Amino acid sequence: MKSTSLKFILLLHILFAFGCKQKTEVSNTYLASSKNEIQHAKGFEIYKYDGYSVVKITNPWPAAKESFSYILKQKNAIIPDSLMHFTTIQIPIKTIVVTSTTHIPSLEMLGVENTLVGFPNTDYISSEKTRKRIDAGKVREVGKNENLNTEVLIDMQADVIVGFSLNSSNPSLTLLQKSGLKVMLNGDWTEQSPLGKAEWIKFFGALYGLDSKANSIFSDIEKEYNTTLALAKKVTKKPTVLSGAMFQDQWYVPQGESWASLFLKDAQADYLWSDTKGTGGLSLPFEVVLEKAQKAEFWIAPGDFSSLKQMSDSNPHYAQFDSFKNKKVYSYALNKGAKGGILYFEWSPTRPDWVLKDLIKIFHPELLPNHKLFFFQKLE
């Protein structure tokens, strides 16, 4: 669910499912004079001062050893000399380029989708509001995330370009910054907790001077998630769950500390690899998965298959699992946008409450009798 690179899309499929700025950061001593506004997310912090804010990206990519600080300046605000060398952006911004579909819901929920002027590979975007703007020619193609069209971006002169990087090397974003454009890294994809990902809406709220609105939206999501979580804790039986699918002769399952695994835990499911360490995908031989999960009651997120027949045509051995035989296989791949982009990739990070409700409806339907599945659908 990022516009993003094929690598990242593959990673999200596997898990059930960045450089760009100044490589310096505001000192912790300076930041200590304010309070971090962020509660759940581990990858960014926001500190407010008189007329400006400091946004610190602490985890721009996995295992990053550097962080990045940005100054968001209101009109006529005075910035201390000690902060003048940081990338400074005057807010509220009027135009933006984002590079991941996970950024689109935040813009729409904040009501600022009309400020989006560029995106790499717009076919990935599924949301109807933004698709209408794309179809009307109001959002320009800016290349691919690994090879952004610097000429187009320099011509556009957007107030800010929000990018992401898989590691410390991102020549496209570095070149854009050297060209005088305002570039910010966004590390929402590195978050592992459901509410941590969702809290990144505050990153965008800060850019538009809509901090209060972003806080209110997130508070509603947080409340819905926690209310649903409390409801799920009433169950006495946890069904066994399998996840993932084969890719190049290996089966990839979400590791026990991953975002996908945490959802299954919160939905009161007995995910069979919940005790594994790590936040990525665990590579296993087919035989190992069959031995452990053949009797699993449910199979969640089997890659991008859209039917049981498509699954068995791809690998006849899938039919050996009880969850397959009993038609208890649920996929996020059926709910797509007009150009084939998968809505789960785009919206699930911002709306973890919808994901949790879907899973509880699947595992414990008596708890949410009126909920209609949104992301996940049963494969037939």
Protein backbone atom coordinates (compact mmCIF):
# COMPACT_ATOMS: atom_id res chain seq x y z
CA MET A 1 0.00 0.00 0.00
CA LYS A 2 2.31 2.34 -0.90
CA SER A 3 2.46 3.79 -4.29
CA THR A 4 5.48 2.85 -4.05
CA SER A 5 7.91 0.34 -4.96
CA LEU A 6 7.11 -3.16 -6.04
CA LYS A 7 9.39 -4.32 -3.25
CA PHE A 8 7.18 -2.66 -0.72
CA ILE A 9 3.98 -4.00 -2.24
CA LEU A 10 5.44 -7.51 -2.12
CA LEU A 11 6.40 -6.96 1.49
CA LEU A 12 2.84 -5.98 2.39
CA HIS A 13 1.46 -9.03 0.63
CA ILE A 14 3.82 -11.23 2.61
CA LEU A 15 3.11 -9.54 5.91
CA PHE A 16 -0.65 -9.55 5.43
CA ALA A 17 -0.60 -7.38 4.79
CA PHE A 18 11.71 6.57 2.91
CA GLY A 19 16.96 10.42 1.73
CA CYS A 20 16.98 12.78 1.73
CA LYS A 21 17.08 15.42 4.20
CA GLN A 22 19.63 17.05 6.24
CA LYS A 23 21.37 14.36 8.16
CA THR A 24 21.23 16.23 11.40
CA GLU A 25 18.70 16.51 14.16
CA VAL A 26 17.61 19.00 16.74
CA SER A 27 19.35 18.26 20.01
CA ASN A 28 17.46 16.46 22.72
CA THR A 29 18.44 19.26 25.09
CA TYR A 30 16.53 21.75 22.96
CA LEU A 31 13.55 19.45 22.55
CA ALA A 32 13.38 18.92 26.29
CA SER A 33 11.94 22.43 26.60
CA SER A 34 8.71 21.15 25.03
CA LYS A 35 6.62 17.98 25.16
CA ASN A 36 6.36 15.37 22.44
CA GLU A 37 2.79 15.48 21.12
CA ILE A 38 2.87 11.88 19.81
CA GLN A 39 1.69 9.00 22.01
CA HIS A 40 1.63 5.71 20.07
CA ALA A 41 3.92 6.11 17.05
CA LYS A 42 7.60 5.32 17.55
CA GLY A 43 8.85 6.78 14.28
CA PHE A 44 8.19 10.49 14.70
CA GLU A 45 7.80 13.20 17.29
CA ILE A 46 6.28 16.69 17.24
CA TYR A 47 7.36 19.50 19.56
CA LYS A 48 5.47 22.81 19.60
CA TYR A 49 6.99 26.24 20.28
CA ASP A 50 5.86 29.83 19.85
CA GLY A 51 5.04 30.17 16.15
CA TYR A 52 6.76 26.99 14.97
CA SER A 53 7.02 23.25 15.51
CA VAL A 54 9.84 20.73 15.27
CA VAL A 55 8.97 17.47 13.54
CA LYS A 56 11.54 14.76 14.20
CA ILE A 57 11.52 11.55 12.14
CA THR A 58 13.19 9.04 14.42
CA ASN A 59 12.80 5.89 12.34
CA PRO A 60 12.76 6.74 8.61
CA TRP A 61 13.60 3.15 7.65
CA PRO A 62 14.15 -0.09 9.60
CA ALA A 63 17.16 0.01 11.91
CA ALA A 64 17.97 3.58 10.88
CA LYS A 65 20.94 5.05 12.74
CA GLU A 66 20.04 8.63 12.00
CA SER A 67 17.00 10.81 12.46
CA PHE A 68 15.81 13.91 10.63
CA SER A 69 14.40 17.14 11.98
CA TYR A 70 12.24 19.72 10.21
CA ILE A 71 10.99 23.13 11.25
CA LEU A 72 7.37 24.01 10.47
CA LYS A 73 7.14 27.78 10.61
CA GLN A 74 4.02 29.91 10.87
CA LYS A 75 3.92 33.28 9.12
CA ASN A 76 6.08 35.94 10.80
CA ALA A 77 7.40 33.46 13.39
CA ILE A 78 10.98 33.94 14.54
CA ILE A 79 13.15 30.84 14.35
CA PRO A 80 16.13 30.59 16.73
CA ASP A 81 19.52 30.85 15.04
CA SER A 82 20.39 27.35 16.26
CA LEU A 83 17.60 25.91 14.06
CA MET A 84 18.14 27.97 10.91
CA HIS A 85 20.17 25.27 9.12
CA PHE A 86 17.33 22.74 9.25
CA THR A 87 14.85 22.33 6.42
CA THR A 88 12.20 24.95 7.20
CA ILE A 89 8.70 24.81 5.73
CA GLN A 90 6.19 27.63 6.02
CA ILE A 91 2.78 26.40 7.08
CA PRO A 92 0.04 25.96 6.22
CA ILE A 93 1.30 24.49 2.98
CA LYS A 94 -0.76 24.99 -0.19
CA THR A 95 0.59 22.22 -2.46
CA ILE A 96 2.08 18.81 -1.79
CA VAL A 97 3.56 15.78 -3.54
CA VAL A 98 3.30 12.48 -1.67
CA THR A 99 4.84 9.18 -2.70
CA SER A 100 2.85 6.51 -0.91
CA THR A 101 -0.81 5.56 -1.14
CA THR A 102 -0.79 5.37 2.67
CA HIS A 103 -0.54 9.17 2.66
CA ILE A 104 -3.75 9.65 0.66
CA PRO A 105 -6.26 8.81 3.44
CA SER A 106 -4.72 11.39 5.77
CA LEU A 107 -5.09 14.11 3.13
CA GLU A 108 -8.70 13.13 2.46
CA MET A 109 -9.68 12.85 6.11
CA LEU A 110 -8.16 16.25 6.80
CA GLY A 111 -10.07 17.67 3.82
CA VAL A 112 -6.93 18.83 1.96
CA GLU A 113 -6.86 16.33 -0.91
CA ASN A 114 -7.16 19.25 -3.36
CA THR A 115 -3.62 20.30 -2.44
CA LEU A 116 -2.15 17.10 -3.92
CA VAL A 117 -0.42 18.00 -7.20
CA GLY A 118 1.86 15.03 -7.88
CA PHE A 119 2.26 11.33 -7.21
CA PRO A 120 4.46 8.49 -8.56
CA ASN A 121 2.47 5.87 -10.48
CA THR A 122 -1.03 7.20 -9.88
CA ASP A 123 -2.68 3.89 -10.88
CA TYR A 124 -1.95 2.61 -7.38
CA ILE A 125 -4.33 5.17 -5.86
CA SER A 126 -7.78 3.73 -5.20
CA SER A 127 -9.69 6.37 -3.21
CA GLU A 128 -12.52 7.79 -5.32
CA LYS A 129 -11.99 11.42 -4.29
CA THR A 130 -8.37 11.46 -5.36
CA ARG A 131 -8.99 9.33 -8.45
CA LYS A 132 -11.40 12.00 -9.71
CA ARG A 133 -8.66 14.61 -9.38
CA ILE A 134 -6.22 12.33 -11.20
CA ASP A 135 -8.70 11.70 -14.01
CA ALA A 136 -9.26 15.47 -14.28
CA GLY A 137 -5.52 16.00 -14.79
CA LYS A 138 -5.03 17.78 -11.47
CA VAL A 139 -2.47 15.30 -10.11
CA ARG A 140 0.63 14.84 -12.26
CA GLU A 141 2.66 11.67 -12.69
CA VAL A 142 6.11 12.13 -11.15
CA GLY A 143 7.78 8.87 -12.12
CA LYS A 144 8.53 5.95 -9.86
CA ASN A 145 9.49 6.14 -6.22
CA GLU A 146 13.00 4.79 -6.87
CA ASN A 147 13.42 7.08 -9.89
CA LEU A 148 11.36 10.22 -9.44
CA ASN A 149 11.13 12.61 -12.39
CA THR A 150 13.18 15.45 -10.98
CA GLU A 151 12.54 17.69 -14.00
CA VAL A 152 8.77 17.53 -13.49
CA LEU A 153 9.06 18.00 -9.74
CA ILE A 154 11.35 21.00 -10.07
CA ASP A 155 8.90 22.50 -12.57
CA MET A 156 5.97 21.94 -10.17
CA GLN A 157 7.61 23.67 -7.20
CA ALA A 158 5.30 22.06 -4.64
CA ASP A 159 5.54 23.46 -1.13
CA VAL A 160 6.73 20.09 0.13
CA ILE A 161 7.55 16.63 -1.21
CA VAL A 162 6.83 13.85 1.27
CA GLY A 163 8.94 10.83 0.41
CA PHE A 164 10.12 7.61 1.96
CA SER A 165 13.29 5.58 1.68
CA LEU A 166 14.07 1.91 2.14
CA ASN A 167 17.55 2.80 3.41
CA SER A 168 19.98 5.70 3.69
CA SER A 169 20.47 5.92 -0.09
CA ASN A 170 17.79 7.68 -2.13
CA PRO A 171 19.45 9.65 -4.95
CA SER A 172 16.17 11.05 -6.31
CA LEU A 173 15.19 12.70 -3.06
CA THR A 174 18.74 13.92 -2.44
CA LEU A 175 18.84 15.56 -5.87
CA LEU A 176 15.50 17.24 -5.29
CA GLN A 177 16.70 18.66 -2.02
CA LYS A 178 19.90 19.93 -3.60
CA SER A 179 17.71 21.63 -6.19
CA GLY A 180 16.17 23.71 -3.44
CA LEU A 181 12.92 21.80 -3.00
CA LYS A 182 11.51 21.06 0.44
CA VAL A 183 11.72 17.30 1.04
CA MET A 184 10.49 15.45 4.12
CA LEU A 185 10.86 11.78 4.92
CA ASN A 186 7.84 9.88 6.19
CA GLY A 187 8.38 6.58 8.01
CA ASP A 188 4.79 5.49 8.59
CA TRP A 189 5.53 2.12 7.00
CA THR A 190 8.05 1.23 9.73
CA GLU A 191 5.48 1.38 12.53
CA GLN A 192 4.39 -1.98 13.93
CA SER A 193 1.51 -1.13 16.25
CA PRO A 194 -1.91 -0.52 14.65
CA LEU A 195 -2.50 2.75 16.49
CA GLY A 196 1.11 3.80 15.88
CA LYS A 197 0.58 3.72 12.13
CA ALA A 198 -2.72 5.57 12.39
CA GLU A 199 -1.18 8.38 14.43
CA TRP A 200 0.84 9.53 11.41
CA ILE A 201 -2.18 11.57 10.39
CA LYS A 202 -0.77 14.11 12.88
CA PHE A 203 2.32 14.44 10.65
CA PHE A 204 0.09 15.77 7.87
CA GLY A 205 -2.05 17.77 10.26
CA ALA A 206 1.05 19.68 11.31
CA LEU A 207 1.89 20.58 7.69
CA TYR A 208 -1.49 22.20 7.17
CA GLY A 209 -1.84 23.83 10.57
CA LEU A 210 -4.65 21.37 11.24
CA ASP A 211 -3.21 19.83 14.39
CA SER A 212 -6.50 20.01 16.30
CA LYS A 213 -8.41 18.35 13.49
CA ALA A 214 -5.81 15.60 13.14
CA ASN A 215 -5.85 15.02 16.90
CA SER A 216 -9.64 14.76 16.88
CA ILE A 217 -9.68 12.31 13.97
CA PHE A 218 -7.05 10.14 15.58
CA SER A 219 -8.82 10.23 18.95
CA ASP A 220 -11.97 8.90 17.30
CA ILE A 221 -10.01 6.09 15.62
CA GLU A 222 -8.23 5.29 18.88
CA LYS A 223 -11.53 5.17 20.77
CA GLU A 224 -13.14 2.89 18.17
CA TYR A 225 -10.14 0.59 18.20
CA ASN A 226 -9.96 0.33 21.98
CA THR A 227 -13.73 -0.15 22.31
CA THR A 228 -13.60 -2.97 19.77
CA LEU A 229 -10.56 -4.44 21.48
CA ALA A 230 -12.36 -4.51 24.82
CA LEU A 231 -15.30 -6.25 23.17
CA ALA A 232 -13.03 -8.93 21.73
CA LYS A 233 -11.52 -9.70 25.11
CA LYS A 234 -14.85 -11.17 26.21
CA VAL A 235 -14.40 -14.27 24.07
CA THR A 236 -13.45 -17.56 25.68
CA LYS A 237 -12.32 -19.46 22.57
CA LYS A 238 -9.62 -18.37 20.15
CA PRO A 239 -9.70 -19.98 16.69
CA THR A 240 -6.41 -21.12 15.16
CA VAL A 241 -5.22 -19.02 12.23
CA LEU A 242 -2.83 -19.45 9.31
CA SER A 243 -1.57 -16.55 7.17
CA GLY A 244 0.54 -15.92 4.09
CA ALA A 245 1.19 -18.01 0.99
CA MET A 246 3.91 -19.50 -1.19
CA PHE A 247 6.36 -17.30 -3.06
CA GLN A 248 9.25 -18.79 -5.04
CA ASP A 249 9.11 -22.15 -3.26
CA GLN A 250 8.93 -20.64 0.23
CA TRP A 251 5.94 -19.83 2.42
CA TYR A 252 6.06 -16.41 4.04
CA VAL A 253 4.15 -15.87 7.29
CA PRO A 254 4.06 -12.68 9.38
CA GLN A 255 6.44 -12.84 12.32
CA GLY A 256 4.97 -12.65 15.79
CA GLU A 257 5.84 -9.02 16.49
CA SER A 258 4.66 -7.69 13.13
CA TRP A 259 1.80 -5.30 12.47
CA ALA A 260 -0.28 -8.09 10.91
CA SER A 261 0.34 -10.46 13.81
CA LEU A 262 -0.66 -7.82 16.36
CA PHE A 263 -4.02 -7.43 14.63
CA LEU A 264 -4.64 -11.17 14.93
CA LYS A 265 -3.70 -11.06 18.60
CA ASP A 266 -6.04 -8.13 19.27
CA ALA A 267 -8.82 -9.95 17.41
CA GLN A 268 -8.42 -12.81 19.89
CA ALA A 269 -7.15 -15.35 17.40
CA ASP A 270 -4.60 -18.07 18.03
CA TYR A 271 -2.14 -17.17 15.29
CA LEU A 272 0.15 -20.17 14.92
CA TRP A 273 3.36 -18.16 14.55
CA SER A 274 2.60 -15.55 17.21
CA ASP A 275 5.53 -16.73 19.34
CA THR A 276 8.16 -15.95 16.69
CA LYS A 277 10.42 -12.93 17.12
CA GLY A 278 10.68 -10.20 14.55
CA THR A 279 8.53 -7.74 12.63
CA GLY A 280 8.99 -9.00 9.09
CA GLY A 281 8.14 -12.15 7.20
CA LEU A 282 9.29 -15.62 8.22
CA SER A 283 10.35 -17.87 5.34
CA LEU A 284 9.36 -21.53 5.78
CA PRO A 285 9.25 -24.68 3.63
CA PHE A 286 5.77 -25.80 2.60
CA GLU A 287 6.04 -29.01 4.60
CA VAL A 288 6.69 -27.12 7.83
CA VAL A 289 3.60 -24.95 7.33
CA LEU A 290 1.44 -27.93 6.41
CA GLU A 291 2.47 -29.86 9.49
CA LYS A 292 1.70 -26.98 11.82
CA ALA A 293 -1.32 -25.38 10.14
CA GLN A 294 -3.16 -28.10 8.25
CA LYS A 295 -5.89 -28.12 10.91
CA ALA A 296 -6.04 -24.34 11.35
CA GLU A 297 -9.62 -23.07 11.35
CA PHE A 298 -9.01 -19.86 9.37
CA TRP A 299 -6.61 -18.70 6.69
CA ILE A 300 -6.16 -14.93 6.56
CA ALA A 301 -4.49 -12.96 3.75
CA PRO A 302 -3.29 -15.64 1.31
CA GLY A 303 -1.43 -13.18 -0.94
CA ASP A 304 -3.40 -11.53 -3.73
CA PHE A 305 -5.55 -14.48 -4.77
CA SER A 306 -9.16 -13.64 -5.57
CA SER A 307 -10.71 -17.14 -5.51
CA LEU A 308 -10.11 -20.61 -4.13
CA LYS A 309 -9.76 -21.95 -7.67
CA GLN A 310 -7.07 -19.41 -8.41
CA MET A 311 -5.26 -20.60 -5.30
CA SER A 312 -5.47 -24.30 -6.15
CA ASP A 313 -4.48 -23.62 -9.77
CA SER A 314 -1.41 -21.84 -8.47
CA ASN A 315 -0.55 -24.62 -6.02
CA PRO A 316 -2.72 -27.77 -5.71
CA HIS A 317 -1.25 -28.41 -2.25
CA TYR A 318 -3.23 -25.48 -0.82
CA ALA A 319 -6.28 -27.77 -0.95
CA GLN A 320 -4.76 -29.93 1.81
CA PHE A 321 -5.54 -27.32 4.47
CA ASP A 322 -8.78 -27.61 6.45
CA SER A 323 -9.37 -23.87 6.17
CA PHE A 324 -9.32 -24.23 2.38
CA LYS A 325 -11.59 -27.28 2.41
CA ASN A 326 -14.06 -25.52 4.71
CA LYS A 327 -13.97 -22.27 2.74
CA LYS A 328 -12.66 -20.22 5.62
CA VAL A 329 -10.07 -18.32 3.60
CA TYR A 330 -10.31 -14.51 3.72
CA SER A 331 -8.43 -12.10 1.46
CA TYR A 332 -7.93 -8.35 1.30
CA ALA A 333 -7.30 -8.52 -2.46
CA LEU A 334 -10.91 -8.37 -3.66
CA ASN A 335 -11.64 -4.79 -2.62
CA LYS A 336 -9.92 -2.77 -5.35
CA GLY A 337 -10.02 0.69 -6.82
CA ALA A 338 -10.81 1.62 -10.42
CA LYS A 339 -7.23 1.00 -11.60
CA GLY A 340 -6.69 -2.18 -9.60
CA GLY A 341 -5.07 -0.70 -6.51
CA ILE A 342 -5.93 -2.64 -3.35
CA LEU A 343 -7.84 -0.54 -0.81
CA TYR A 344 -6.38 -2.48 2.11
CA PHE A 345 -2.89 -1.25 1.28
CA GLU A 346 -4.10 2.33 1.05
CA TRP A 347 -6.50 2.63 3.97
CA SER A 348 -5.66 -0.03 6.58
CA PRO A 349 -2.74 1.88 8.20
CA THR A 350 -4.98 4.88 8.84
CA ARG A 351 -8.08 2.88 9.81
CA PRO A 352 -6.90 0.04 12.05
CA ASP A 353 -10.33 0.08 13.70
CA TRP A 354 -11.85 -1.13 10.41
CA VAL A 355 -9.27 -3.91 10.16
CA LEU A 356 -9.91 -5.07 13.71
CA LYS A 357 -13.66 -5.06 13.22
CA ASP A 358 -13.29 -7.13 10.06
CA LEU A 359 -11.18 -9.73 11.83
CA ILE A 360 -13.49 -9.94 14.83
CA LYS A 361 -16.45 -10.32 12.48
CA ILE A 362 -14.63 -13.25 10.86
CA PHE A 363 -13.46 -14.98 14.04
CA HIS A 364 -16.27 -14.01 16.45
CA PRO A 365 -19.26 -12.93 14.34
CA GLU A 366 -21.60 -12.88 17.33
CA LEU A 367 -19.72 -9.90 18.76
CA LEU A 368 -20.37 -7.63 15.77
CA PRO A 369 -23.60 -8.87 14.18
CA ASN A 370 -24.19 -5.68 12.19
CA HIS A 371 -20.66 -5.15 10.88
CA LYS A 372 -20.19 -5.53 7.14
CA LEU A 373 -16.74 -6.68 6.05
CA PHE A 374 -14.80 -3.91 4.36
CA PHE A 375 -11.19 -4.98 3.75
CA PHE A 376 -11.48 -8.77 3.99
CA GLN A 377 -13.79 -10.96 1.95
CA LYS A 378 -14.32 -14.71 1.97
CA LEU A 379 -12.86 -16.47 -1.07
CA GLU A 380 -15.27 -18.66 -3.00
